[in-house]
C-alpha atoms as a PDB file:
ATOM      1  CA  UNK A   1     -18.195 -53.221  90.648  1.00  0.00           C
ATOM      2  CA  UNK A   2     -15.246 -51.541  88.930  1.00  0.00           C
ATOM      3  CA  UNK A   3     -14.013 -48.064  89.815  1.00  0.00           C
ATOM      4  CA  UNK A   4     -16.048 -45.200  88.357  1.00  0.00           C
ATOM      5  CA  UNK A   5     -13.896 -43.570  85.693  1.00  0.00           C
ATOM      6  CA  UNK A   6     -13.379 -39.817  85.772  1.00  0.00           C
ATOM      7  CA  UNK A   7     -13.712 -39.013  82.077  1.00  0.00           C
ATOM      8  CA  UNK A   8     -13.161 -35.313  82.695  1.00  0.00           C
ATOM      9  CA  UNK A   9      -9.784 -35.966  84.323  1.00  0.00           C
ATOM     10  CA  UNK A  10      -8.711 -38.100  81.369  1.00  0.00           C
ATOM     11  CA  UNK A  11      -9.942 -35.498  78.876  1.00  0.00           C
ATOM     12  CA  UNK A  12      -8.042 -32.526  80.304  1.00  0.00           C
ATOM     13  CA  UNK A  13      -4.924 -34.654  80.686  1.00  0.00           C
ATOM     14  CA  UNK A  14      -5.233 -35.483  76.988  1.00  0.00           C
ATOM     15  CA  UNK A  15      -5.664 -31.784  76.140  1.00  0.00           C
ATOM     16  CA  UNK A  16      -9.206 -32.345  74.888  1.00  0.00           C
ATOM     17  CA  UNK A  17     -11.218 -29.099  75.228  1.00  0.00           C
ATOM     18  CA  UNK A  18     -13.967 -29.281  77.830  1.00  0.00           C
ATOM     19  CA  UNK A  19     -16.651 -26.589  77.785  1.00  0.00           C
ATOM     20  CA  UNK A  20     -18.707 -26.062  80.903  1.00  0.00           C
ATOM     21  CA  UNK A  21     -21.520 -24.129  82.533  1.00  0.00           C
ATOM     22  CA  UNK A  22     -21.880 -22.686  86.040  1.00  0.00           C
ATOM     23  CA  UNK A  23     -24.849 -24.153  87.941  1.00  0.00           C
ATOM     24  CA  UNK A  24     -25.484 -21.572  90.657  1.00  0.00           C
ATOM     25  CA  UNK A  25     -29.253 -21.758  91.097  1.00  0.00           C
ATOM     26  CA  UNK A  26     -28.784 -24.553  93.633  1.00  0.00           C
ATOM     27  CA  UNK A  27     -31.579 -26.782  92.429  1.00  0.00           C
ATOM     28  CA  UNK A  28     -31.268 -30.354  91.192  1.00  0.00           C
ATOM     29  CA  UNK A  29     -34.134 -29.942  88.696  1.00  0.00           C
ATOM     30  CA  UNK A  30     -32.401 -26.985  87.036  1.00  0.00           C
ATOM     31  CA  UNK A  31     -29.014 -28.691  87.081  1.00  0.00           C
ATOM     32  CA  UNK A  32     -30.506 -31.771  85.450  1.00  0.00           C
ATOM     33  CA  UNK A  33     -32.044 -29.557  82.764  1.00  0.00           C
ATOM     34  CA  UNK A  34     -28.598 -28.082  82.087  1.00  0.00           C
ATOM     35  CA  UNK A  35     -27.227 -31.614  81.717  1.00  0.00           C
ATOM     36  CA  UNK A  36     -29.441 -32.139  78.683  1.00  0.00           C
ATOM     37  CA  UNK A  37     -27.833 -29.180  76.878  1.00  0.00           C
ATOM     38  CA  UNK A  38     -24.630 -31.041  76.028  1.00  0.00           C
ATOM     39  CA  UNK A  39     -21.968 -29.317  78.128  1.00  0.00           C
ATOM     40  CA  UNK A  40     -18.897 -31.381  78.965  1.00  0.00           C
ATOM     41  CA  UNK A  41     -19.034 -30.314  82.611  1.00  0.00           C
ATOM     42  CA  UNK A  42     -21.237 -28.454  85.054  1.00  0.00           C
ATOM     43  CA  UNK A  43     -19.988 -26.579  88.106  1.00  0.00           C
ATOM     44  CA  UNK A  44     -22.036 -27.106  91.283  1.00  0.00           C
ATOM     45  CA  UNK A  45     -21.104 -23.982  93.183  1.00  0.00           C
ATOM     46  CA  UNK A  46     -20.987 -23.802  96.972  1.00  0.00           C
ATOM     47  CA  UNK A  47     -18.848 -20.671  97.215  1.00  0.00           C
ATOM     48  CA  UNK A  48     -21.220 -18.065  95.787  1.00  0.00           C
ATOM     49  CA  UNK A  49     -24.454 -20.054  95.585  1.00  0.00           C
ATOM     50  CA  UNK A  50     -26.788 -21.245  98.367  1.00  0.00           C
ATOM     51  CA  UNK A  51     -25.706 -24.878  98.150  1.00  0.00           C
ATOM     52  CA  UNK A  52     -24.677 -27.213 100.945  1.00  0.00           C
ATOM     53  CA  UNK A  53     -23.629 -30.860 101.168  1.00  0.00           C
ATOM     54  CA  UNK A  54     -27.202 -32.123 100.909  1.00  0.00           C
ATOM     55  CA  UNK A  55     -28.193 -30.007  97.890  1.00  0.00           C
ATOM     56  CA  UNK A  56     -24.878 -30.891  96.214  1.00  0.00           C
ATOM     57  CA  UNK A  57     -25.658 -34.579  96.726  1.00  0.00           C
ATOM     58  CA  UNK A  58     -29.062 -34.124  95.103  1.00  0.00           C
ATOM     59  CA  UNK A  59     -27.439 -32.519  92.066  1.00  0.00           C
ATOM     60  CA  UNK A  60     -24.798 -35.242  91.808  1.00  0.00           C
ATOM     61  CA  UNK A  61     -27.583 -37.805  91.798  1.00  0.00           C
ATOM     62  CA  UNK A  62     -29.507 -35.842  89.163  1.00  0.00           C
ATOM     63  CA  UNK A  63     -26.440 -35.663  86.904  1.00  0.00           C
ATOM     64  CA  UNK A  64     -25.524 -39.336  87.227  1.00  0.00           C
ATOM     65  CA  UNK A  65     -27.616 -40.327  84.207  1.00  0.00           C
ATOM     66  CA  UNK A  66     -26.021 -37.752  81.884  1.00  0.00           C
ATOM     67  CA  UNK A  67     -22.725 -37.214  80.101  1.00  0.00           C
ATOM     68  CA  UNK A  68     -22.052 -33.793  81.664  1.00  0.00           C
ATOM     69  CA  UNK A  69     -19.412 -34.255  84.349  1.00  0.00           C
ATOM     70  CA  UNK A  70     -20.109 -32.642  87.740  1.00  0.00           C
ATOM     71  CA  UNK A  71     -17.412 -30.395  89.184  1.00  0.00           C
ATOM     72  CA  UNK A  72     -17.995 -29.339  92.788  1.00  0.00           C
ATOM     73  CA  UNK A  73     -16.674 -26.113  94.279  1.00  0.00           C
ATOM     74  CA  UNK A  74     -16.696 -26.007  98.104  1.00  0.00           C
ATOM     75  CA  UNK A  75     -17.043 -22.665  99.857  1.00  0.00           C
ATOM     76  CA  UNK A  76     -13.341 -22.949 100.707  1.00  0.00           C
ATOM     77  CA  UNK A  77     -10.489 -25.410 100.468  1.00  0.00           C
ATOM     78  CA  UNK A  78     -10.993 -27.161 103.785  1.00  0.00           C
ATOM     79  CA  UNK A  79     -10.001 -30.719 104.670  1.00  0.00           C
ATOM     80  CA  UNK A  80     -13.271 -31.512 106.459  1.00  0.00           C
ATOM     81  CA  UNK A  81     -15.430 -30.119 103.645  1.00  0.00           C
ATOM     82  CA  UNK A  82     -13.387 -31.889 100.991  1.00  0.00           C
ATOM     83  CA  UNK A  83     -13.904 -35.177 102.836  1.00  0.00           C
ATOM     84  CA  UNK A  84     -17.664 -34.705 102.806  1.00  0.00           C
ATOM     85  CA  UNK A  85     -17.862 -33.836  99.109  1.00  0.00           C
ATOM     86  CA  UNK A  86     -15.661 -36.758  98.122  1.00  0.00           C
ATOM     87  CA  UNK A  87     -17.713 -39.166 100.213  1.00  0.00           C
ATOM     88  CA  UNK A  88     -20.993 -38.131  98.560  1.00  0.00           C
ATOM     89  CA  UNK A  89     -19.449 -38.934  95.190  1.00  0.00           C
ATOM     90  CA  UNK A  90     -17.771 -35.804  93.845  1.00  0.00           C
ATOM     91  CA  UNK A  91     -14.743 -36.837  91.802  1.00  0.00           C
ATOM     92  CA  UNK A  92     -13.648 -33.412  90.578  1.00  0.00           C
ATOM     93  CA  UNK A  93     -13.200 -30.499  92.966  1.00  0.00           C
ATOM     94  CA  UNK A  94     -12.580 -26.850  92.126  1.00  0.00           C
ATOM     95  CA  UNK A  95     -10.901 -25.357  95.186  1.00  0.00           C
ATOM     96  CA  UNK A  96     -11.035 -21.561  95.539  1.00  0.00           C
ATOM     97  CA  UNK A  97      -8.396 -19.050  96.623  1.00  0.00           C
ATOM     98  CA  UNK A  98      -5.248 -21.161  96.439  1.00  0.00           C
ATOM     99  CA  UNK A  99      -2.442 -18.632  96.818  1.00  0.00           C
ATOM    100  CA  UNK A 100       0.572 -20.738  97.811  1.00  0.00           C
ATOM    101  CA  UNK A 101       2.309 -24.026  97.138  1.00  0.00           C
ATOM    102  CA  UNK A 102       1.567 -25.074 100.731  1.00  0.00           C
ATOM    103  CA  UNK A 103      -2.159 -24.519 100.273  1.00  0.00           C
ATOM    104  CA  UNK A 104      -2.074 -26.558  97.066  1.00  0.00           C
ATOM    105  CA  UNK A 105      -0.282 -29.412  98.853  1.00  0.00           C
ATOM    106  CA  UNK A 106      -2.837 -29.326 101.666  1.00  0.00           C
ATOM    107  CA  UNK A 107      -5.653 -29.468  99.121  1.00  0.00           C
ATOM    108  CA  UNK A 108      -4.202 -32.535  97.437  1.00  0.00           C
ATOM    109  CA  UNK A 109      -3.532 -34.222 100.783  1.00  0.00           C
ATOM    110  CA  UNK A 110      -7.195 -33.801 101.717  1.00  0.00           C
ATOM    111  CA  UNK A 111      -8.159 -35.929  98.692  1.00  0.00           C
ATOM    112  CA  UNK A 112      -5.764 -38.812  99.442  1.00  0.00           C
ATOM    113  CA  UNK A 113      -6.027 -41.566 102.016  1.00  0.00           C
ATOM    114  CA  UNK A 114      -3.088 -42.102 104.391  1.00  0.00           C
ATOM    115  CA  UNK A 115      -0.174 -42.466 104.105  1.00  0.00           C
ATOM    116  CA  UNK A 116      -0.267 -40.244 100.961  1.00  0.00           C
ATOM    117  CA  UNK A 117      -2.744 -37.820 102.524  1.00  0.00           C
ATOM    118  CA  UNK A 118      -5.195 -37.159 105.339  1.00  0.00           C
ATOM    119  CA  UNK A 119      -8.600 -38.085 103.911  1.00  0.00           C
ATOM    120  CA  UNK A 120     -10.727 -39.783 106.552  1.00  0.00           C
ATOM    121  CA  UNK A 121     -11.563 -43.416 105.848  1.00  0.00           C
ATOM    122  CA  UNK A 122     -15.309 -43.923 105.743  1.00  0.00           C
ATOM    123  CA  UNK A 123     -15.943 -45.602 102.421  1.00  0.00           C
ATOM    124  CA  UNK A 124     -18.376 -48.149 103.855  1.00  0.00           C
ATOM    125  CA  UNK A 125     -20.723 -45.239 104.605  1.00  0.00           C
ATOM    126  CA  UNK A 126     -20.129 -43.410 101.345  1.00  0.00           C
ATOM    127  CA  UNK A 127     -21.837 -43.050  98.001  1.00  0.00           C
ATOM    128  CA  UNK A 128     -18.367 -42.586  96.476  1.00  0.00           C
ATOM    129  CA  UNK A 129     -17.577 -46.280  96.877  1.00  0.00           C
ATOM    130  CA  UNK A 130     -21.186 -47.262  96.234  1.00  0.00           C
ATOM    131  CA  UNK A 131     -21.141 -48.390  99.840  1.00  0.00           C
ATOM    132  CA  UNK A 132     -18.099 -50.604  99.340  1.00  0.00           C
ATOM    133  CA  UNK A 133     -19.404 -52.178  96.144  1.00  0.00           C
ATOM    134  CA  UNK A 134     -16.635 -50.541  94.087  1.00  0.00           C
ATOM    135  CA  UNK A 135     -13.839 -53.076  94.000  1.00  0.00           C
ATOM    136  CA  UNK A 136     -10.733 -51.944  95.904  1.00  0.00           C
ATOM    137  CA  UNK A 137     -12.023 -48.386  96.250  1.00  0.00           C
ATOM    138  CA  UNK A 138      -9.525 -47.369  98.933  1.00  0.00           C
ATOM    139  CA  UNK A 139      -6.561 -48.289  96.727  1.00  0.00           C
ATOM    140  CA  UNK A 140      -7.905 -46.810  93.486  1.00  0.00           C
ATOM    141  CA  UNK A 141      -9.897 -43.723  94.532  1.00  0.00           C
ATOM    142  CA  UNK A 142      -7.045 -41.242  94.002  1.00  0.00           C
ATOM    143  CA  UNK A 143      -6.721 -42.310  90.366  1.00  0.00           C
ATOM    144  CA  UNK A 144     -10.216 -40.964  89.661  1.00  0.00           C
ATOM    145  CA  UNK A 145     -10.088 -37.787  91.758  1.00  0.00           C
ATOM    146  CA  UNK A 146      -9.334 -34.574  89.882  1.00  0.00           C
ATOM    147  CA  UNK A 147      -7.967 -31.640  91.874  1.00  0.00           C
ATOM    148  CA  UNK A 148      -8.418 -28.215  90.305  1.00  0.00           C
ATOM    149  CA  UNK A 149      -7.129 -25.189  92.183  1.00  0.00           C
ATOM    150  CA  UNK A 150      -8.162 -21.605  91.585  1.00  0.00           C
ATOM    151  CA  UNK A 151      -5.659 -18.811  90.973  1.00  0.00           C
ATOM    152  CA  UNK A 152      -7.560 -15.634  91.788  1.00  0.00           C
ATOM    153  CA  UNK A 153      -5.105 -13.165  93.283  1.00  0.00           C
ATOM    154  CA  UNK A 154      -1.863 -11.391  92.539  1.00  0.00           C
ATOM    155  CA  UNK A 155      -0.274 -13.581  95.215  1.00  0.00           C
ATOM    156  CA  UNK A 156      -1.383 -16.761  93.438  1.00  0.00           C
ATOM    157  CA  UNK A 157       0.081 -15.524  90.154  1.00  0.00           C
ATOM    158  CA  UNK A 158       3.416 -14.833  91.824  1.00  0.00           C
ATOM    159  CA  UNK A 159       3.428 -18.413  93.142  1.00  0.00           C
ATOM    160  CA  UNK A 160       1.830 -19.963  90.084  1.00  0.00           C
ATOM    161  CA  UNK A 161       4.702 -22.153  88.898  1.00  0.00           C
ATOM    162  CA  UNK A 162       5.171 -23.659  92.363  1.00  0.00           C
ATOM    163  CA  UNK A 163       1.402 -24.258  92.679  1.00  0.00           C
ATOM    164  CA  UNK A 164       1.172 -25.905  89.265  1.00  0.00           C
ATOM    165  CA  UNK A 165       4.199 -28.095  90.016  1.00  0.00           C
ATOM    166  CA  UNK A 166       2.519 -29.693  93.044  1.00  0.00           C
ATOM    167  CA  UNK A 167       2.026 -33.409  92.451  1.00  0.00           C
ATOM    168  CA  UNK A 168      -1.660 -34.239  92.459  1.00  0.00           C
ATOM    169  CA  UNK A 169      -2.815 -30.872  91.149  1.00  0.00           C
ATOM    170  CA  UNK A 170      -4.488 -31.705  87.837  1.00  0.00           C
ATOM    171  CA  UNK A 171      -5.330 -28.196  86.724  1.00  0.00           C
ATOM    172  CA  UNK A 172      -5.349 -24.509  87.593  1.00  0.00           C
ATOM    173  CA  UNK A 173      -8.450 -22.413  87.010  1.00  0.00           C
ATOM    174  CA  UNK A 174      -8.281 -18.634  86.710  1.00  0.00           C
ATOM    175  CA  UNK A 175     -11.004 -16.485  88.269  1.00  0.00           C
ATOM    176  CA  UNK A 176     -11.091 -13.160  86.371  1.00  0.00           C
ATOM    177  CA  UNK A 177     -13.417 -11.315  88.757  1.00  0.00           C
ATOM    178  CA  UNK A 178     -11.433 -11.914  91.937  1.00  0.00           C
ATOM    179  CA  UNK A 179      -8.192 -11.442  90.045  1.00  0.00           C
ATOM    180  CA  UNK A 180      -9.299  -8.052  88.766  1.00  0.00           C
ATOM    181  CA  UNK A 181     -10.189  -7.041  92.324  1.00  0.00           C
ATOM    182  CA  UNK A 182      -6.791  -8.188  93.569  1.00  0.00           C
ATOM    183  CA  UNK A 183      -5.152  -6.154  90.821  1.00  0.00           C
ATOM    184  CA  UNK A 184      -6.969  -3.026  91.992  1.00  0.00           C
ATOM    185  CA  UNK A 185      -9.539  -2.839  89.194  1.00  0.00           C
ATOM    186  CA  UNK A 186     -12.625  -4.282  90.862  1.00  0.00           C
ATOM    187  CA  UNK A 187     -15.453  -5.113  88.487  1.00  0.00           C
ATOM    188  CA  UNK A 188     -13.326  -5.175  85.343  1.00  0.00           C
ATOM    189  CA  UNK A 189     -12.540  -8.853  84.688  1.00  0.00           C
ATOM    190  CA  UNK A 190     -12.176  -8.149  80.967  1.00  0.00           C
ATOM    191  CA  UNK A 191      -9.614  -5.375  81.366  1.00  0.00           C
ATOM    192  CA  UNK A 192      -6.552  -5.754  79.113  1.00  0.00           C
ATOM    193  CA  UNK A 193      -4.155  -6.201  82.044  1.00  0.00           C
ATOM    194  CA  UNK A 194      -6.331  -8.933  83.552  1.00  0.00           C
ATOM    195  CA  UNK A 195      -6.567 -10.753  80.244  1.00  0.00           C
ATOM    196  CA  UNK A 196      -2.811 -10.556  79.748  1.00  0.00           C
ATOM    197  CA  UNK A 197      -2.201 -11.874  83.268  1.00  0.00           C
ATOM    198  CA  UNK A 198      -4.500 -14.814  82.595  1.00  0.00           C
ATOM    199  CA  UNK A 199      -2.924 -15.581  79.227  1.00  0.00           C
ATOM    200  CA  UNK A 200       0.519 -15.538  80.831  1.00  0.00           C
ATOM    201  CA  UNK A 201      -0.805 -17.695  83.663  1.00  0.00           C
ATOM    202  CA  UNK A 202      -2.186 -20.219  81.187  1.00  0.00           C
ATOM    203  CA  UNK A 203       1.240 -20.442  79.560  1.00  0.00           C
ATOM    204  CA  UNK A 204       2.883 -21.048  82.948  1.00  0.00           C
ATOM    205  CA  UNK A 205       0.428 -23.794  83.853  1.00  0.00           C
ATOM    206  CA  UNK A 206       0.795 -25.483  80.486  1.00  0.00           C
ATOM    207  CA  UNK A 207       4.603 -25.350  80.783  1.00  0.00           C
ATOM    208  CA  UNK A 208       4.241 -27.284  84.059  1.00  0.00           C
ATOM    209  CA  UNK A 209       2.358 -29.994  82.205  1.00  0.00           C
ATOM    210  CA  UNK A 210      -0.976 -29.221  83.836  1.00  0.00           C
ATOM    211  CA  UNK A 211      -4.361 -28.215  82.409  1.00  0.00           C
ATOM    212  CA  UNK A 212      -5.489 -24.592  82.535  1.00  0.00           C
ATOM    213  CA  UNK A 213      -9.062 -23.375  82.853  1.00  0.00           C
ATOM    214  CA  UNK A 214     -10.977 -20.133  83.133  1.00  0.00           C
ATOM    215  CA  UNK A 215     -14.453 -18.636  83.461  1.00  0.00           C
ATOM    216  CA  UNK A 216     -15.194 -16.731  80.249  1.00  0.00           C
ATOM    217  CA  UNK A 217     -18.925 -16.163  79.609  1.00  0.00           C
ATOM    218  CA  UNK A 218     -18.173 -13.756  76.744  1.00  0.00           C
ATOM    219  CA  UNK A 219     -17.546 -15.766  73.535  1.00  0.00           C
ATOM    220  CA  UNK A 220     -14.647 -13.590  72.385  1.00  0.00           C
ATOM    221  CA  UNK A 221     -12.883 -14.022  75.719  1.00  0.00           C
ATOM    222  CA  UNK A 222     -13.504 -17.773  75.685  1.00  0.00           C
ATOM    223  CA  UNK A 223     -11.932 -18.048  72.237  1.00  0.00           C
ATOM    224  CA  UNK A 224      -9.007 -15.864  73.319  1.00  0.00           C
ATOM    225  CA  UNK A 225      -8.237 -18.083  76.302  1.00  0.00           C
ATOM    226  CA  UNK A 226      -8.661 -21.306  74.336  1.00  0.00           C
ATOM    227  CA  UNK A 227      -6.192 -19.980  71.774  1.00  0.00           C
ATOM    228  CA  UNK A 228      -3.823 -19.214  74.675  1.00  0.00           C
ATOM    229  CA  UNK A 229      -4.031 -22.840  75.778  1.00  0.00           C
ATOM    230  CA  UNK A 230      -6.976 -23.129  78.188  1.00  0.00           C
ATOM    231  CA  UNK A 231      -8.498 -26.598  77.998  1.00  0.00           C
ATOM    232  CA  UNK A 232     -11.461 -26.420  80.396  1.00  0.00           C
ATOM    233  CA  UNK A 233     -13.534 -23.280  80.021  1.00  0.00           C
ATOM    234  CA  UNK A 234     -16.825 -22.238  81.604  1.00  0.00           C
ATOM    235  CA  UNK A 235     -18.678 -20.356  78.893  1.00  0.00           C
ATOM    236  CA  UNK A 236     -21.783 -19.322  80.797  1.00  0.00           C
ATOM    237  CA  UNK A 237     -23.794 -19.328  84.009  1.00  0.00           C
ATOM    238  CA  UNK A 238     -27.346 -20.440  84.600  1.00  0.00           C
ATOM    239  CA  UNK A 239     -28.076 -17.223  86.485  1.00  0.00           C
ATOM    240  CA  UNK A 240     -26.773 -15.115  83.622  1.00  0.00           C
ATOM    241  CA  UNK A 241     -28.671 -17.017  80.957  1.00  0.00           C
ATOM    242  CA  UNK A 242     -31.976 -16.925  82.818  1.00  0.00           C
ATOM    243  CA  UNK A 243     -31.676 -13.289  83.818  1.00  0.00           C
ATOM    244  CA  UNK A 244     -30.725 -12.149  80.317  1.00  0.00           C
ATOM    245  CA  UNK A 245     -33.361 -14.226  78.541  1.00  0.00           C
ATOM    246  CA  UNK A 246     -36.094 -13.155  80.967  1.00  0.00           C
ATOM    247  CA  UNK A 247     -35.246  -9.466  80.585  1.00  0.00           C
ATOM    248  CA  UNK A 248     -35.115  -9.775  76.804  1.00  0.00           C
ATOM    249  CA  UNK A 249     -38.518 -11.469  76.706  1.00  0.00           C
ATOM    250  CA  UNK A 250     -40.077  -8.943  79.069  1.00  0.00           C
ATOM    251  CA  UNK A 251     -38.783  -6.033  76.983  1.00  0.00           C
ATOM    252  CA  UNK A 252     -40.651  -7.351  73.951  1.00  0.00           C
ATOM    253  CA  UNK A 253     -44.019  -7.097  75.680  1.00  0.00           C
ATOM    254  CA  UNK A 254     -43.771  -4.386  78.332  1.00  0.00           C
ATOM    255  CA  UNK A 255     -45.121  -1.714  75.951  1.00  0.00           C
ATOM    256  CA  UNK A 256     -47.091  -3.982  73.615  1.00  0.00           C
ATOM    257  CA  UNK A 257     -50.922  -3.938  73.391  1.00  0.00           C
ATOM    258  CA  UNK A 258     -52.542  -6.173  75.984  1.00  0.00           C
ATOM    259  CA  UNK A 259     -54.709  -7.962  73.409  1.00  0.00           C
ATOM    260  CA  UNK A 260     -53.317 -11.141  71.807  1.00  0.00           C
ATOM    261  CA  UNK A 261     -52.099 -11.088  68.259  1.00  0.00           C
ATOM    262  CA  UNK A 262     -54.599 -13.121  66.281  1.00  0.00           C
ATOM    263  CA  UNK A 263     -52.065 -13.919  63.570  1.00  0.00           C
ATOM    264  CA  UNK A 264     -49.860 -15.695  66.082  1.00  0.00           C
ATOM    265  CA  UNK A 265     -52.652 -17.744  67.506  1.00  0.00           C
ATOM    266  CA  UNK A 266     -52.658 -15.752  70.716  1.00  0.00           C
ATOM    267  CA  UNK A 267     -49.443 -17.394  71.956  1.00  0.00           C
END
């Protein structure tokens, strides 16, 4: 069996826009439903959603039949956690709160086998290698692993060029909510100064030859960041869509008569 190609990694390297959706409801059935919508990538979130290694595995398996590429975010950038997520078959990792060049180097090292890195060797036990049925997995795995680091603080912005220059970092993703908090304006991710900081950050990342990404569930913000050079953009969240749609539907009927409308067939 040949190595399993990471199409997402190739796409962002080729500057092909990739639009994604946050999957935070931590359920493989819901994540599979999202995969039918046509997004380029789906984020399986372990940082702010009640996921773990087992539920992430279930979602990776559910997505395997679809074109939407799974991106996995661990609760933190930790060598042991990264090893587990890679072994269950995650090829693209979004690693939160990377503030320094050293942290970025440690993140990359966790995804590489020795002597290039420190990833533990357990491919015979791992879904990633299809239990050693992928030809020469140990030698080729790094080619298909995509390392995305998150810039979410003022400190990360001050070190952004050095972070983006780290070999093995494929992209930098900006987190507007945490960044706004770090800038002293908690709860205002769309504030002008936050947007300007992200646009400038995108330019810095692009100048380093790396891909830039951002979470932008508001369409105008998404377009603004794409125009600034962002290539992988999350344009919505499953929690946001469900909550908004449910509230909108409820508001239509909360004060309506309880009897069905005969003209609509009672639906």
